[in-house]
Amino acid sequence: MSPPSVVAIGVFDGVHLGHQEIFNKVTTQAAQDYLLSTVLTFEPHPAFLLRPKNAPQLLTGLEHKLSLFEQCGIERTVVLEFDEKLALAAPEQFIKDCLVDSLNARSVVVGKDFHFGKSRAGSVETLKQASSQHDFIVEAVGLFSLPSAPEPISSTAIRRALAGGRVSEVTRMLGRPYSIEGEVIVGDRRGQTIGFPTANLPVSQERAWPADGVYAGWFTDEGRVRRPCAINIGRRPTFYHHAEHSVLEAHVLDFEGDLYGQFVEVEFAEFLRSERRFGGIEELKEQLQKDIERCRVILGAT
């Protein structure tokens, strides 16, 4: 049987400050009562099965999310495959199979708006009704808000801020800069020919991306070396009139070397400007130099 545990249940996309508040309660109680701090999460996001046409773009991939759980002090993560069988499970069956029999839950911590089971019939009240029968306690955590913020922190609010390019606001909600991970691919090498070489990352349609524009940020390579960079997301209108998809290009400051094929992370610190079309190469190069100088000041890389 599993060791007795404190269990947080949820998708936790983004692992934002509201999620971290839940994890803090889990780890604190686990330490006090000699229990195993545990997260029970789902893959893929339930919306991909339940409402595929309206499924959200994800803030974190699974591997990144697992790493963030660990950084929050969570000792064990259990990932349930969210398939049709799980979607149709009665709430009471989910509680018995997953929380009681599998995880030996002594305490369950969820958000106040948590729902589960067939037709989302299960709720915090369902958990509380089952708690006495199965000998666990339930704690429901309310939404987390920053001082003077217009709304509580949520994954939806973060996606909306990203779509508006408001990455500084996203940083405050996450407690860290928003980042994209991926393998550096070969682009058209145009940046190299004009003196501003870039590392290109493919833009996944399943991930949430900041709005097209230029950003100051950080670039971490496979060796976990973190360097300041200037980031462009867009369709490069100076060169292409009708590009189908946006491209992420990161110019790593004061770096010379080959990054092709490396799995890297790009973090977004601050929005600089919107993407626009320039009259020619020289005008573009002049603006790129200004962007880089602004990045140096913002990132303290002077």
Protein backbone atom coordinates (compact mmCIF):
# COMPACT_ATOMS: atom_id res chain seq x y z
CA MET A 1 0.00 0.00 0.00
CA SER A 2 1.07 3.55 -0.66
CA PRO A 3 2.45 5.49 2.31
CA PRO A 4 -0.15 7.83 3.83
CA SER A 5 -0.20 11.09 1.89
CA VAL A 6 -1.45 14.63 1.45
CA VAL A 7 -2.81 14.91 -2.09
CA ALA A 8 -3.37 17.95 -4.28
CA ILE A 9 -5.58 17.24 -7.31
CA GLY A 10 -5.72 19.29 -10.49
CA VAL A 11 -4.35 20.03 -13.94
CA PHE A 12 -2.18 22.87 -12.59
CA ASP A 13 -1.37 24.26 -16.04
CA GLY A 14 1.21 27.01 -15.59
CA VAL A 15 1.96 26.20 -11.93
CA HIS A 16 1.14 29.82 -11.09
CA LEU A 17 1.09 31.46 -7.66
CA GLY A 18 -2.41 30.16 -6.95
CA HIS A 19 -1.25 26.61 -7.59
CA GLN A 20 1.85 27.24 -5.50
CA GLU A 21 -0.37 28.29 -2.61
CA ILE A 22 -2.03 24.86 -2.77
CA PHE A 23 1.36 23.11 -2.88
CA ASN A 24 2.57 25.14 0.08
CA LYS A 25 -0.36 23.86 2.14
CA VAL A 26 0.35 20.30 0.98
CA THR A 27 4.06 20.37 1.84
CA THR A 28 3.49 22.12 5.18
CA GLN A 29 0.89 19.59 6.30
CA ALA A 30 2.97 16.68 5.02
CA ALA A 31 5.95 17.83 7.06
CA GLN A 32 3.86 18.35 10.20
CA ASP A 33 2.07 15.00 10.05
CA TYR A 34 4.83 12.83 8.52
CA LEU A 35 2.88 12.26 5.30
CA LEU A 36 4.01 12.05 1.68
CA SER A 37 3.35 15.26 -0.30
CA THR A 38 1.67 14.19 -3.53
CA VAL A 39 0.20 15.78 -6.64
CA LEU A 40 -2.40 13.91 -8.70
CA THR A 41 -2.62 15.42 -12.17
CA PHE A 42 -3.91 14.51 -15.62
CA GLU A 43 -2.44 14.11 -19.10
CA PRO A 44 -3.58 15.22 -21.56
CA HIS A 45 -5.49 18.27 -20.33
CA PRO A 46 -9.11 17.06 -19.85
CA ALA A 47 -10.39 19.74 -22.22
CA PHE A 48 -8.69 18.00 -25.16
CA LEU A 49 -11.14 15.13 -24.67
CA LEU A 50 -14.18 16.92 -23.24
CA ARG A 51 -14.26 20.01 -25.48
CA PRO A 52 -11.56 19.65 -28.14
CA LYS A 53 -12.74 22.61 -30.24
CA ASN A 54 -12.37 24.92 -27.24
CA ALA A 55 -9.35 23.35 -25.56
CA PRO A 56 -6.92 25.97 -24.19
CA GLN A 57 -3.38 26.43 -25.40
CA LEU A 58 -1.12 25.03 -22.71
CA LEU A 59 1.15 27.13 -20.51
CA THR A 60 3.42 24.22 -19.56
CA GLY A 61 4.38 20.93 -21.14
CA LEU A 62 4.24 17.84 -18.94
CA GLU A 63 8.00 17.52 -18.33
CA HIS A 64 8.31 21.18 -17.39
CA LYS A 65 5.29 20.93 -15.12
CA LEU A 66 6.75 17.90 -13.31
CA SER A 67 9.98 19.82 -12.78
CA LEU A 68 8.07 22.78 -11.33
CA PHE A 69 6.17 20.48 -8.95
CA GLU A 70 9.49 19.19 -7.67
CA GLN A 71 10.78 22.74 -7.23
CA CYS A 72 7.70 23.45 -5.10
CA GLY A 73 8.75 20.66 -2.74
CA ILE A 74 6.33 17.99 -3.94
CA GLU A 75 7.77 14.54 -3.23
CA ARG A 76 5.58 12.46 -5.55
CA THR A 77 3.56 13.16 -8.68
CA VAL A 78 1.04 10.71 -10.11
CA VAL A 79 -0.03 11.35 -13.71
CA LEU A 80 -3.36 9.82 -14.70
CA GLU A 81 -4.11 9.34 -18.38
CA PHE A 82 -7.28 11.32 -19.00
CA ASP A 83 -9.20 9.00 -21.30
CA GLU A 84 -12.88 8.23 -21.84
CA LYS A 85 -12.94 5.69 -19.01
CA LEU A 86 -11.66 8.25 -16.51
CA ALA A 87 -13.98 10.93 -17.88
CA LEU A 88 -17.00 8.66 -17.30
CA ALA A 89 -16.00 7.49 -13.82
CA ALA A 90 -18.48 8.25 -11.05
CA PRO A 91 -17.03 10.73 -8.52
CA GLU A 92 -17.35 8.20 -5.69
CA GLN A 93 -15.45 5.60 -7.73
CA PHE A 94 -12.66 8.09 -8.46
CA ILE A 95 -12.35 8.85 -4.76
CA LYS A 96 -12.15 5.18 -3.78
CA ASP A 97 -9.86 3.99 -6.60
CA CYS A 98 -7.46 6.93 -6.82
CA LEU A 99 -7.42 8.71 -3.49
CA VAL A 100 -8.11 5.88 -1.04
CA ASP A 101 -6.88 2.63 -2.57
CA SER A 102 -3.99 3.97 -4.67
CA LEU A 103 -2.69 6.98 -2.75
CA ASN A 104 -3.82 6.26 0.83
CA ALA A 105 -4.86 9.90 1.18
CA ARG A 106 -5.11 11.28 4.70
CA SER A 107 -5.71 14.81 3.44
CA VAL A 108 -6.89 16.23 0.11
CA VAL A 109 -6.22 19.82 -0.97
CA VAL A 110 -8.01 21.32 -3.98
CA GLY A 111 -9.17 24.65 -5.35
CA LYS A 112 -12.66 25.75 -4.26
CA ASP A 113 -13.95 25.42 -7.82
CA PHE A 114 -12.57 21.89 -8.30
CA HIS A 115 -14.89 19.46 -10.15
CA PHE A 116 -14.28 15.87 -11.21
CA GLY A 117 -15.94 12.70 -12.42
CA LYS A 118 -18.66 12.08 -14.99
CA SER A 119 -20.28 15.33 -16.17
CA ARG A 120 -18.11 17.15 -13.59
CA ALA A 121 -20.61 15.99 -10.98
CA GLY A 122 -17.99 15.73 -8.24
CA SER A 123 -17.12 18.82 -6.21
CA VAL A 124 -15.51 19.89 -2.95
CA GLU A 125 -18.77 18.98 -1.24
CA THR A 126 -18.58 15.46 -2.73
CA LEU A 127 -15.08 15.06 -1.30
CA LYS A 128 -16.22 16.27 2.12
CA GLN A 129 -19.14 13.85 2.13
CA ALA A 130 -16.77 10.96 1.39
CA SER A 131 -14.08 12.07 3.81
CA SER A 132 -15.59 10.64 6.99
CA GLN A 133 -16.23 7.27 5.37
CA HIS A 134 -12.68 7.02 4.03
CA ASP A 135 -10.86 8.75 6.89
CA PHE A 136 -9.34 11.78 5.19
CA ILE A 137 -9.80 15.52 5.59
CA VAL A 138 -10.48 18.06 2.83
CA GLU A 139 -9.16 21.59 2.44
CA ALA A 140 -10.47 23.88 -0.31
CA VAL A 141 -8.22 26.80 -1.25
CA GLY A 142 -9.73 30.00 -2.61
CA LEU A 143 -8.47 31.95 -5.63
CA PHE A 144 -5.20 33.81 -5.11
CA SER A 145 -5.00 37.51 -5.93
CA LEU A 146 -2.08 39.92 -6.09
CA PRO A 147 -2.45 43.30 -4.36
CA SER A 148 -4.35 45.80 -6.55
CA ALA A 149 -4.76 43.20 -9.34
CA PRO A 150 -8.01 43.52 -11.34
CA GLU A 151 -8.80 39.80 -11.05
CA PRO A 152 -7.58 36.65 -9.26
CA ILE A 153 -4.74 34.64 -10.78
CA SER A 154 -5.83 31.88 -13.14
CA SER A 155 -4.45 30.02 -16.14
CA THR A 156 -7.06 31.83 -18.26
CA ALA A 157 -5.90 35.25 -17.03
CA ILE A 158 -2.30 34.32 -17.85
CA ARG A 159 -3.21 33.23 -21.38
CA ARG A 160 -5.05 36.52 -21.89
CA ALA A 161 -2.04 38.53 -20.69
CA LEU A 162 0.28 36.55 -22.98
CA ALA A 163 -2.00 37.23 -25.96
CA GLY A 164 -1.63 40.93 -25.18
CA GLY A 165 2.17 40.71 -24.88
CA ARG A 166 2.01 41.65 -21.19
CA VAL A 167 4.82 39.33 -20.11
CA SER A 168 5.78 41.42 -17.05
CA GLU A 169 2.24 40.87 -15.76
CA VAL A 170 2.59 37.15 -16.50
CA THR A 171 5.83 37.04 -14.51
CA ARG A 172 4.01 38.45 -11.49
CA MET A 173 1.24 35.83 -11.76
CA LEU A 174 3.63 32.91 -12.23
CA GLY A 175 6.27 34.05 -9.76
CA ARG A 176 8.84 33.52 -12.55
CA PRO A 177 9.23 34.55 -16.21
CA TYR A 178 7.09 32.70 -18.74
CA SER A 179 9.22 30.34 -20.81
CA ILE A 180 9.09 28.23 -23.95
CA GLU A 181 11.18 25.10 -24.40
CA GLY A 182 12.13 23.45 -27.67
CA GLU A 183 14.82 22.19 -30.00
CA VAL A 184 16.76 24.79 -31.96
CA ILE A 185 16.01 24.30 -35.66
CA VAL A 186 17.73 25.53 -38.81
CA GLY A 187 16.06 28.69 -40.10
CA ASP A 188 16.77 30.69 -43.23
CA ARG A 189 20.05 31.98 -41.67
CA ARG A 190 19.06 35.51 -42.61
CA GLY A 191 19.95 36.84 -39.16
CA GLN A 192 23.48 35.54 -39.54
CA THR A 193 23.93 37.25 -42.90
CA ILE A 194 22.97 40.66 -41.46
CA GLY A 195 25.10 40.31 -38.32
CA PHE A 196 22.42 39.26 -35.84
CA PRO A 197 22.45 35.42 -35.69
CA THR A 198 19.46 33.82 -33.99
CA ALA A 199 18.42 30.50 -32.52
CA ASN A 200 15.04 29.53 -33.96
CA LEU A 201 12.38 27.53 -32.10
CA PRO A 202 9.28 26.07 -33.75
CA VAL A 203 5.99 27.62 -32.64
CA SER A 204 3.75 24.82 -31.35
CA GLN A 205 0.05 25.36 -31.96
CA GLU A 206 -0.74 23.58 -28.65
CA ARG A 207 1.26 26.02 -26.52
CA ALA A 208 0.32 29.53 -25.45
CA TRP A 209 2.70 32.08 -26.96
CA PRO A 210 3.23 35.77 -26.24
CA ALA A 211 1.87 38.14 -28.87
CA ASP A 212 4.03 38.84 -31.93
CA GLY A 213 6.68 41.39 -31.04
CA VAL A 214 10.16 41.94 -29.65
CA TYR A 215 11.06 41.04 -26.07
CA ALA A 216 14.00 41.11 -23.67
CA GLY A 217 14.60 37.73 -22.12
CA TRP A 218 16.88 34.90 -21.16
CA PHE A 219 18.21 31.91 -23.10
CA THR A 220 19.25 28.71 -21.30
CA ASP A 221 21.13 26.09 -23.31
CA GLU A 222 21.42 22.34 -22.74
CA GLY A 223 24.32 22.91 -20.38
CA ARG A 224 21.98 25.06 -18.23
CA VAL A 225 23.99 28.20 -18.98
CA ARG A 226 21.59 31.17 -18.83
CA ARG A 227 22.37 34.18 -21.02
CA PRO A 228 20.53 37.43 -21.84
CA CYS A 229 18.86 37.58 -25.25
CA ALA A 230 16.63 39.61 -27.54
CA ILE A 231 13.60 37.67 -28.78
CA ASN A 232 11.48 38.23 -31.85
CA ILE A 233 8.18 36.42 -32.35
CA GLY A 234 6.49 37.12 -35.63
CA ARG A 235 6.15 36.66 -39.36
CA ARG A 236 9.13 38.85 -40.34
CA PRO A 237 7.20 41.27 -42.57
CA THR A 238 10.37 42.98 -43.81
CA PHE A 239 11.23 39.78 -45.70
CA TYR A 240 7.93 37.92 -46.05
CA HIS A 241 4.62 39.49 -47.07
CA HIS A 242 2.35 36.53 -46.33
CA ALA A 243 4.11 34.20 -43.87
CA GLU A 244 1.70 31.54 -42.65
CA HIS A 245 3.02 31.10 -39.12
CA SER A 246 4.98 33.08 -36.57
CA VAL A 247 8.57 32.13 -35.78
CA LEU A 248 10.53 32.56 -32.54
CA GLU A 249 14.06 33.89 -33.03
CA ALA A 250 16.37 34.50 -30.08
CA HIS A 251 19.56 36.54 -30.50
CA VAL A 252 21.80 35.52 -27.60
CA LEU A 253 23.86 38.50 -26.50
CA ASP A 254 27.66 38.23 -26.74
CA PHE A 255 27.55 34.61 -27.81
CA GLU A 256 29.31 32.85 -30.65
CA GLY A 257 28.70 29.17 -31.22
CA ASP A 258 26.47 26.48 -32.67
CA LEU A 259 23.15 25.88 -30.91
CA TYR A 260 21.47 23.72 -33.58
CA GLY A 261 19.77 20.63 -32.19
CA GLN A 262 20.02 21.72 -28.56
CA PHE A 263 16.91 21.55 -26.36
CA VAL A 264 16.75 25.03 -24.87
CA GLU A 265 14.53 27.31 -22.79
CA VAL A 266 13.63 30.90 -23.69
CA GLU A 267 12.23 33.15 -20.94
CA PHE A 268 10.32 36.39 -21.58
CA ALA A 269 11.24 39.28 -19.28
CA GLU A 270 9.78 42.42 -20.87
CA PHE A 271 7.95 43.54 -24.00
CA LEU A 272 9.95 46.03 -26.11
CA ARG A 273 7.89 46.80 -29.19
CA SER A 274 5.45 45.42 -31.74
CA GLU A 275 6.71 43.79 -34.91
CA ARG A 276 6.69 46.04 -37.98
CA ARG A 277 7.89 46.14 -41.54
CA PHE A 278 11.07 48.13 -42.25
CA GLY A 279 12.01 49.92 -45.45
CA GLY A 280 15.21 47.93 -45.92
CA ILE A 281 18.04 45.97 -44.34
CA GLU A 282 19.91 48.97 -42.96
CA GLU A 283 16.80 50.37 -41.25
CA LEU A 284 16.14 46.93 -39.74
CA LYS A 285 19.74 46.57 -38.52
CA GLU A 286 19.60 50.00 -36.90
CA GLN A 287 16.45 49.07 -35.01
CA LEU A 288 17.85 45.68 -33.97
CA GLN A 289 20.86 47.40 -32.47
CA LYS A 290 18.55 49.68 -30.47
CA ASP A 291 16.57 46.64 -29.30
CA ILE A 292 19.73 44.93 -28.11
CA GLU A 293 20.87 48.00 -26.20
CA ARG A 294 17.48 48.20 -24.47
CA CYS A 295 17.79 44.51 -23.58
CA ARG A 296 21.17 45.14 -21.99
CA VAL A 297 19.74 47.84 -19.77
CA ILE A 298 16.60 45.88 -18.81
CA LEU A 299 18.52 42.68 -18.08
CA GLY A 300 21.52 44.31 -16.44
CA ALA A 301 23.81 42.96 -19.15
CA THR A 302 25.67 46.18 -19.95
